[in-house]
Amino acid sequence: MHPTSAPRTRLALRATAIAALAAGALSAQASVVTLDDWTFGAGHTVHTSTPVYNGLAGGFSGTLDGDALLTYCVELTQVFYWHATYTNYTDLAASAYFTGPDNKADKLGRLLSYVADTAGAVDNSYESTSLQLAIWNIVYDTDYSLGVGGFRDTSNRASYANTLLSASQNWTNTMDVRVLKSPTAQDQLHWGRVPEPGSLALALAGLGALGVARRRRN
């Protein structure tokens, strides 16, 4: 990757929850993904172990099926390239991507809900790097600290990552967390608010009305 400068933006959540829940049985769909730059203009160096990684980390901005996308890496052992268009991503619910008793999907949902609900939690490049570390700690470990367990980091962003992890442990999960999975590029995490029951009912009613209209035309 060769990141270039980009304007600073605030953390924005891509609202995909209504469409995902209304689709019901459609648990995965083919997606086109392009990643253009760091969300906050820069990434910062981290030093992790298990897996070992010494390089830049932070959130990315791009597009998902033509819509604005904010995303963070899932896997440290994979790579992607700026401005490349990938057409082989599958958009999965995090609960389908992460299996096992540790419930990583819920932990990620709590973390991302805390960040979204807490003003100023992540609104600059340094905090974005810490959020990436916190996400990786959930993916690769079972604890809430980058100083213990298998996955560790010795950079100056680990302290704030631990703050985010600790604060999110008992936070209410209000996120539809999803993973963009590719056989050739780095898997990416994205999310949106789970809709209120009334909003979901309206979405489902709209889909039902559309189905009735189609049957009538046929």
C-alpha atoms as a PDB file:
ATOM      1  CA  MET A   1       0.000   0.000   0.000  1.00  0.00           C
ATOM      2  CA  HIS A   2       1.128   3.541  -0.694  1.00  0.00           C
ATOM      3  CA  PRO A   3      -1.279   5.881   1.143  1.00  0.00           C
ATOM      4  CA  THR A   4      -1.654   9.468  -0.036  1.00  0.00           C
ATOM      5  CA  SER A   5      -3.042  12.462   1.801  1.00  0.00           C
ATOM      6  CA  ALA A   6      -6.811  12.781   2.211  1.00  0.00           C
ATOM      7  CA  PRO A   7      -9.082  15.319   3.899  1.00  0.00           C
ATOM      8  CA  ARG A   8      -9.863  14.637   7.543  1.00  0.00           C
ATOM      9  CA  THR A   9     -13.359  13.310   8.072  1.00  0.00           C
ATOM     10  CA  ARG A  10     -15.381  12.339  11.143  1.00  0.00           C
ATOM     11  CA  LEU A  11     -16.205   8.728  11.830  1.00  0.00           C
ATOM     12  CA  ALA A  12     -19.323   7.936   9.760  1.00  0.00           C
ATOM     13  CA  LEU A  13     -21.285   4.715   9.838  1.00  0.00           C
ATOM     14  CA  ARG A  14     -22.572   3.152   6.667  1.00  0.00           C
ATOM     15  CA  ALA A  15     -26.240   2.378   7.302  1.00  0.00           C
ATOM     16  CA  THR A  16     -26.632  -1.099   5.873  1.00  0.00           C
ATOM     17  CA  ALA A  17     -28.714  -2.684   8.624  1.00  0.00           C
ATOM     18  CA  ILE A  18     -32.220  -2.151   7.204  1.00  0.00           C
ATOM     19  CA  ALA A  19     -31.362  -3.655   3.846  1.00  0.00           C
ATOM     20  CA  ALA A  20     -29.512  -6.560   5.436  1.00  0.00           C
ATOM     21  CA  LEU A  21     -32.279  -7.445   7.878  1.00  0.00           C
ATOM     22  CA  ALA A  22     -35.084  -6.938   5.398  1.00  0.00           C
ATOM     23  CA  ALA A  23     -33.377  -9.295   2.973  1.00  0.00           C
ATOM     24  CA  GLY A  24     -33.919 -12.058   5.512  1.00  0.00           C
ATOM     25  CA  ALA A  25     -32.736 -15.248   3.894  1.00  0.00           C
ATOM     26  CA  LEU A  26     -30.063 -13.491   1.824  1.00  0.00           C
ATOM     27  CA  SER A  27     -27.138 -13.944   4.212  1.00  0.00           C
ATOM     28  CA  ALA A  28     -24.466 -13.027   1.667  1.00  0.00           C
ATOM     29  CA  GLN A  29     -24.204 -11.075  -1.555  1.00  0.00           C
ATOM     30  CA  ALA A  30     -21.528 -10.348  -4.151  1.00  0.00           C
ATOM     31  CA  SER A  31     -20.033  -6.879  -3.640  1.00  0.00           C
ATOM     32  CA  VAL A  32     -17.678  -4.509  -5.440  1.00  0.00           C
ATOM     33  CA  VAL A  33     -15.156  -2.778  -3.167  1.00  0.00           C
ATOM     34  CA  THR A  34     -12.624  -0.004  -3.769  1.00  0.00           C
ATOM     35  CA  LEU A  35     -10.449   1.454  -0.998  1.00  0.00           C
ATOM     36  CA  ASP A  36      -9.077   4.916  -1.744  1.00  0.00           C
ATOM     37  CA  ASP A  37      -7.305   6.318   1.320  1.00  0.00           C
ATOM     38  CA  TRP A  38      -6.974   6.555   5.083  1.00  0.00           C
ATOM     39  CA  THR A  39     -10.209   7.878   6.589  1.00  0.00           C
ATOM     40  CA  PHE A  40      -8.424  10.452   8.734  1.00  0.00           C
ATOM     41  CA  GLY A  41      -5.608  11.272   6.343  1.00  0.00           C
ATOM     42  CA  ALA A  42      -2.942   8.967   7.774  1.00  0.00           C
ATOM     43  CA  GLY A  43      -2.170   5.662   9.413  1.00  0.00           C
ATOM     44  CA  HIS A  44       0.287   5.242  12.275  1.00  0.00           C
ATOM     45  CA  THR A  45       2.860   2.546  12.978  1.00  0.00           C
ATOM     46  CA  VAL A  46       2.036  -0.344  15.293  1.00  0.00           C
ATOM     47  CA  HIS A  47       4.136  -3.289  16.477  1.00  0.00           C
ATOM     48  CA  THR A  48       2.047  -6.412  17.027  1.00  0.00           C
ATOM     49  CA  SER A  49       2.823 -10.015  17.848  1.00  0.00           C
ATOM     50  CA  THR A  50       0.899 -13.216  17.053  1.00  0.00           C
ATOM     51  CA  PRO A  51       0.616 -12.378  14.246  1.00  0.00           C
ATOM     52  CA  VAL A  52       3.689 -10.186  13.808  1.00  0.00           C
ATOM     53  CA  TYR A  53       3.061  -6.886  12.042  1.00  0.00           C
ATOM     54  CA  ASN A  54       5.175  -3.727  11.975  1.00  0.00           C
ATOM     55  CA  GLY A  55       3.462  -1.137   9.827  1.00  0.00           C
ATOM     56  CA  LEU A  56       0.690   1.402   9.463  1.00  0.00           C
ATOM     57  CA  ALA A  57      -2.820   0.906  10.841  1.00  0.00           C
ATOM     58  CA  GLY A  58      -6.080   2.835  10.835  1.00  0.00           C
ATOM     59  CA  GLY A  59      -9.450   3.119   9.142  1.00  0.00           C
ATOM     60  CA  PHE A  60      -9.938   3.183   5.358  1.00  0.00           C
ATOM     61  CA  SER A  61     -12.408   5.023   3.151  1.00  0.00           C
ATOM     62  CA  GLY A  62     -13.714   3.845  -0.191  1.00  0.00           C
ATOM     63  CA  THR A  63     -16.882   2.539  -1.795  1.00  0.00           C
ATOM     64  CA  LEU A  64     -19.020  -0.567  -1.450  1.00  0.00           C
ATOM     65  CA  ASP A  65     -21.271  -1.139  -4.464  1.00  0.00           C
ATOM     66  CA  GLY A  66     -20.967   2.567  -5.240  1.00  0.00           C
ATOM     67  CA  ASP A  67     -21.861   3.792  -1.731  1.00  0.00           C
ATOM     68  CA  ALA A  68     -19.462   5.469   0.706  1.00  0.00           C
ATOM     69  CA  LEU A  69     -17.646   2.969   2.905  1.00  0.00           C
ATOM     70  CA  LEU A  70     -15.678   3.225   6.144  1.00  0.00           C
ATOM     71  CA  THR A  71     -13.841   0.031   7.008  1.00  0.00           C
ATOM     72  CA  TYR A  72     -11.142  -1.540   9.143  1.00  0.00           C
ATOM     73  CA  CYS A  73      -8.986  -4.609   8.452  1.00  0.00           C
ATOM     74  CA  VAL A  74      -9.973  -7.973   9.868  1.00  0.00           C
ATOM     75  CA  GLU A  75      -6.981 -10.136   8.964  1.00  0.00           C
ATOM     76  CA  LEU A  76      -3.347  -9.101   9.412  1.00  0.00           C
ATOM     77  CA  THR A  77      -2.026 -11.793   7.080  1.00  0.00           C
ATOM     78  CA  GLN A  78      -3.781 -10.417   3.968  1.00  0.00           C
ATOM     79  CA  VAL A  79      -3.209  -7.327   1.804  1.00  0.00           C
ATOM     80  CA  PHE A  80      -5.065  -4.999  -0.544  1.00  0.00           C
ATOM     81  CA  TYR A  81      -4.050  -2.187  -2.906  1.00  0.00           C
ATOM     82  CA  TRP A  82      -5.265   1.398  -2.991  1.00  0.00           C
ATOM     83  CA  HIS A  83      -7.644   2.311  -5.826  1.00  0.00           C
ATOM     84  CA  ALA A  84      -7.943  -1.288  -7.025  1.00  0.00           C
ATOM     85  CA  THR A  85     -11.500  -2.447  -7.759  1.00  0.00           C
ATOM     86  CA  TYR A  86     -12.276  -5.840  -6.242  1.00  0.00           C
ATOM     87  CA  THR A  87     -15.346  -7.625  -7.561  1.00  0.00           C
ATOM     88  CA  ASN A  88     -15.064 -10.830  -5.563  1.00  0.00           C
ATOM     89  CA  TYR A  89     -16.050  -9.691  -2.072  1.00  0.00           C
ATOM     90  CA  THR A  90     -18.861 -11.436  -0.212  1.00  0.00           C
ATOM     91  CA  ASP A  91     -20.774  -9.347   2.340  1.00  0.00           C
ATOM     92  CA  LEU A  92     -21.335 -11.568   5.389  1.00  0.00           C
ATOM     93  CA  ALA A  93     -22.910 -11.041   8.779  1.00  0.00           C
ATOM     94  CA  ALA A  94     -20.104 -11.015  11.359  1.00  0.00           C
ATOM     95  CA  SER A  95     -21.890 -13.812  13.214  1.00  0.00           C
ATOM     96  CA  ALA A  96     -21.494 -15.991  10.094  1.00  0.00           C
ATOM     97  CA  TYR A  97     -17.841 -15.013   9.609  1.00  0.00           C
ATOM     98  CA  PHE A  98     -16.711 -15.515  13.211  1.00  0.00           C
ATOM     99  CA  THR A  99     -17.525 -18.924  14.648  1.00  0.00           C
ATOM    100  CA  GLY A 100     -16.772 -20.389  18.059  1.00  0.00           C
ATOM    101  CA  PRO A 101     -17.796 -19.778  21.663  1.00  0.00           C
ATOM    102  CA  ASP A 102     -15.986 -16.440  22.086  1.00  0.00           C
ATOM    103  CA  ASN A 103     -18.771 -14.445  20.357  1.00  0.00           C
ATOM    104  CA  LYS A 104     -16.401 -12.094  18.578  1.00  0.00           C
ATOM    105  CA  ALA A 105     -19.236 -10.604  16.518  1.00  0.00           C
ATOM    106  CA  ASP A 106     -20.979  -9.353  19.667  1.00  0.00           C
ATOM    107  CA  LYS A 107     -17.726  -8.007  21.125  1.00  0.00           C
ATOM    108  CA  LEU A 108     -17.063  -6.091  17.920  1.00  0.00           C
ATOM    109  CA  GLY A 109     -20.625  -4.778  17.986  1.00  0.00           C
ATOM    110  CA  ARG A 110     -20.168  -3.503  21.536  1.00  0.00           C
ATOM    111  CA  LEU A 111     -16.880  -1.831  20.622  1.00  0.00           C
ATOM    112  CA  LEU A 112     -18.300  -0.120  17.539  1.00  0.00           C
ATOM    113  CA  SER A 113     -21.478   0.876  19.406  1.00  0.00           C
ATOM    114  CA  TYR A 114     -19.380   2.519  22.124  1.00  0.00           C
ATOM    115  CA  VAL A 115     -17.360   4.435  19.533  1.00  0.00           C
ATOM    116  CA  ALA A 116     -20.523   5.590  17.735  1.00  0.00           C
ATOM    117  CA  ASP A 117     -22.298   6.570  20.964  1.00  0.00           C
ATOM    118  CA  THR A 118     -19.374   8.441  22.532  1.00  0.00           C
ATOM    119  CA  ALA A 119     -18.615  11.860  21.087  1.00  0.00           C
ATOM    120  CA  GLY A 120     -14.938  12.275  20.250  1.00  0.00           C
ATOM    121  CA  ALA A 121     -14.075   8.618  20.864  1.00  0.00           C
ATOM    122  CA  VAL A 122     -12.580   8.245  17.392  1.00  0.00           C
ATOM    123  CA  ASP A 123     -12.243  11.446  15.370  1.00  0.00           C
ATOM    124  CA  ASN A 124      -8.569  11.655  14.410  1.00  0.00           C
ATOM    125  CA  SER A 125      -5.893   9.467  12.854  1.00  0.00           C
ATOM    126  CA  TYR A 126      -4.261   8.452  16.145  1.00  0.00           C
ATOM    127  CA  GLU A 127      -7.552   7.288  17.659  1.00  0.00           C
ATOM    128  CA  SER A 128      -8.382   5.504  14.416  1.00  0.00           C
ATOM    129  CA  THR A 129      -5.139   3.535  14.718  1.00  0.00           C
ATOM    130  CA  SER A 130      -6.091   2.603  18.287  1.00  0.00           C
ATOM    131  CA  LEU A 131      -9.514   1.432  17.119  1.00  0.00           C
ATOM    132  CA  GLN A 132      -7.859  -0.824  14.547  1.00  0.00           C
ATOM    133  CA  LEU A 133      -5.711  -2.331  17.305  1.00  0.00           C
ATOM    134  CA  ALA A 134      -8.792  -2.878  19.469  1.00  0.00           C
ATOM    135  CA  ILE A 135     -10.542  -4.636  16.578  1.00  0.00           C
ATOM    136  CA  TRP A 136      -7.524  -6.883  15.982  1.00  0.00           C
ATOM    137  CA  ASN A 137      -7.351  -7.730  19.682  1.00  0.00           C
ATOM    138  CA  ILE A 138     -10.939  -8.996  19.548  1.00  0.00           C
ATOM    139  CA  VAL A 139     -10.268 -10.927  16.349  1.00  0.00           C
ATOM    140  CA  TYR A 140      -7.047 -12.590  17.546  1.00  0.00           C
ATOM    141  CA  ASP A 141      -7.415 -12.792  21.321  1.00  0.00           C
ATOM    142  CA  THR A 142      -9.952 -13.435  24.086  1.00  0.00           C
ATOM    143  CA  ASP A 143      -9.045 -10.660  26.542  1.00  0.00           C
ATOM    144  CA  TYR A 144      -9.484  -6.886  26.609  1.00  0.00           C
ATOM    145  CA  SER A 145      -5.850  -5.786  26.712  1.00  0.00           C
ATOM    146  CA  LEU A 146      -3.002  -5.537  24.216  1.00  0.00           C
ATOM    147  CA  GLY A 147      -0.487  -6.046  27.032  1.00  0.00           C
ATOM    148  CA  VAL A 148      -1.488  -9.619  27.926  1.00  0.00           C
ATOM    149  CA  GLY A 149      -2.604 -12.717  26.060  1.00  0.00           C
ATOM    150  CA  GLY A 150      -1.427 -13.875  22.666  1.00  0.00           C
ATOM    151  CA  PHE A 151      -2.042 -10.734  20.622  1.00  0.00           C
ATOM    152  CA  ARG A 152       0.016  -7.793  21.869  1.00  0.00           C
ATOM    153  CA  ASP A 153       1.179  -4.384  20.704  1.00  0.00           C
ATOM    154  CA  THR A 154       4.081  -2.272  21.914  1.00  0.00           C
ATOM    155  CA  SER A 155       3.276   0.963  20.063  1.00  0.00           C
ATOM    156  CA  ASN A 156       2.113   4.182  21.723  1.00  0.00           C
ATOM    157  CA  ARG A 157      -1.445   3.542  20.459  1.00  0.00           C
ATOM    158  CA  ALA A 158      -1.993   0.440  22.615  1.00  0.00           C
ATOM    159  CA  SER A 159      -3.005   2.412  25.722  1.00  0.00           C
ATOM    160  CA  TYR A 160      -5.966   4.096  24.044  1.00  0.00           C
ATOM    161  CA  ALA A 161      -6.917   0.817  22.350  1.00  0.00           C
ATOM    162  CA  ASN A 162      -7.134  -0.715  25.833  1.00  0.00           C
ATOM    163  CA  THR A 163      -9.338   2.204  26.927  1.00  0.00           C
ATOM    164  CA  LEU A 164     -11.744   1.519  24.052  1.00  0.00           C
ATOM    165  CA  LEU A 165     -11.806  -2.202  24.798  1.00  0.00           C
ATOM    166  CA  SER A 166     -12.408  -1.714  28.517  1.00  0.00           C
ATOM    167  CA  ALA A 167     -15.171   0.860  28.016  1.00  0.00           C
ATOM    168  CA  SER A 168     -16.987  -1.319  25.496  1.00  0.00           C
ATOM    169  CA  GLN A 169     -17.173  -4.532  27.534  1.00  0.00           C
ATOM    170  CA  ASN A 170     -20.614  -3.846  28.989  1.00  0.00           C
ATOM    171  CA  TRP A 171     -21.864  -1.428  26.309  1.00  0.00           C
ATOM    172  CA  THR A 172     -25.168  -2.177  24.605  1.00  0.00           C
ATOM    173  CA  ASN A 173     -24.660  -3.616  21.147  1.00  0.00           C
ATOM    174  CA  THR A 174     -26.780  -1.691  18.618  1.00  0.00           C
ATOM    175  CA  MET A 175     -24.750  -2.494  15.509  1.00  0.00           C
ATOM    176  CA  ASP A 176     -25.233  -4.745  12.518  1.00  0.00           C
ATOM    177  CA  VAL A 177     -21.586  -5.758  12.084  1.00  0.00           C
ATOM    178  CA  ARG A 178     -20.559  -7.247   8.745  1.00  0.00           C
ATOM    179  CA  VAL A 179     -17.414  -8.569   7.112  1.00  0.00           C
ATOM    180  CA  LEU A 180     -16.453  -8.176   3.479  1.00  0.00           C
ATOM    181  CA  LYS A 181     -14.645 -11.418   2.651  1.00  0.00           C
ATOM    182  CA  SER A 182     -12.452 -11.904  -0.409  1.00  0.00           C
ATOM    183  CA  PRO A 183     -10.379 -14.896  -1.578  1.00  0.00           C
ATOM    184  CA  THR A 184      -7.685 -12.566  -2.982  1.00  0.00           C
ATOM    185  CA  ALA A 185      -7.708  -9.391  -0.849  1.00  0.00           C
ATOM    186  CA  GLN A 186      -7.838  -8.358   2.788  1.00  0.00           C
ATOM    187  CA  ASP A 187     -11.121  -9.015   4.605  1.00  0.00           C
ATOM    188  CA  GLN A 188     -12.744  -5.794   5.797  1.00  0.00           C
ATOM    189  CA  LEU A 189     -15.082  -4.883   8.659  1.00  0.00           C
ATOM    190  CA  HIS A 190     -18.028  -2.494   8.228  1.00  0.00           C
ATOM    191  CA  TRP A 191     -21.197  -1.792  10.164  1.00  0.00           C
ATOM    192  CA  GLY A 192     -24.429   0.165  10.505  1.00  0.00           C
ATOM    193  CA  ARG A 193     -27.073   0.738  13.154  1.00  0.00           C
ATOM    194  CA  VAL A 194     -29.633  -1.974  13.694  1.00  0.00           C
ATOM    195  CA  PRO A 195     -32.924  -0.224  12.789  1.00  0.00           C
ATOM    196  CA  GLU A 196     -35.595   0.514  15.368  1.00  0.00           C
ATOM    197  CA  PRO A 197     -38.527  -1.946  15.204  1.00  0.00           C
ATOM    198  CA  GLY A 198     -40.746   0.710  13.612  1.00  0.00           C
ATOM    199  CA  SER A 199     -38.193   1.447  10.897  1.00  0.00           C
ATOM    200  CA  LEU A 200     -37.729  -2.240  10.164  1.00  0.00           C
ATOM    201  CA  ALA A 201     -41.492  -2.734   9.966  1.00  0.00           C
ATOM    202  CA  LEU A 202     -41.742   0.106   7.451  1.00  0.00           C
ATOM    203  CA  ALA A 203     -38.928  -1.400   5.392  1.00  0.00           C
ATOM    204  CA  LEU A 204     -40.568  -4.814   5.370  1.00  0.00           C
ATOM    205  CA  ALA A 205     -43.939  -3.276   4.538  1.00  0.00           C
ATOM    206  CA  GLY A 206     -42.339  -1.463   1.620  1.00  0.00           C
ATOM    207  CA  LEU A 207     -40.846  -4.699   0.327  1.00  0.00           C
ATOM    208  CA  GLY A 208     -44.215  -6.403   0.697  1.00  0.00           C
ATOM    209  CA  ALA A 209     -45.963  -3.651  -1.234  1.00  0.00           C
ATOM    210  CA  LEU A 210     -43.343  -3.896  -3.958  1.00  0.00           C
ATOM    211  CA  GLY A 211     -43.960  -7.627  -4.209  1.00  0.00           C
ATOM    212  CA  VAL A 212     -47.725  -7.127  -4.506  1.00  0.00           C
ATOM    213  CA  ALA A 213     -47.221  -4.527  -7.234  1.00  0.00           C
ATOM    214  CA  ARG A 214     -44.992  -6.885  -9.184  1.00  0.00           C
ATOM    215  CA  ARG A 215     -47.497  -9.738  -8.923  1.00  0.00           C
ATOM    216  CA  ARG A 216     -50.272  -7.453 -10.159  1.00  0.00           C
ATOM    217  CA  ARG A 217     -48.207  -6.384 -13.167  1.00  0.00           C
ATOM    218  CA  ASN A 218     -47.481 -10.008 -13.960  1.00  0.00           C
END
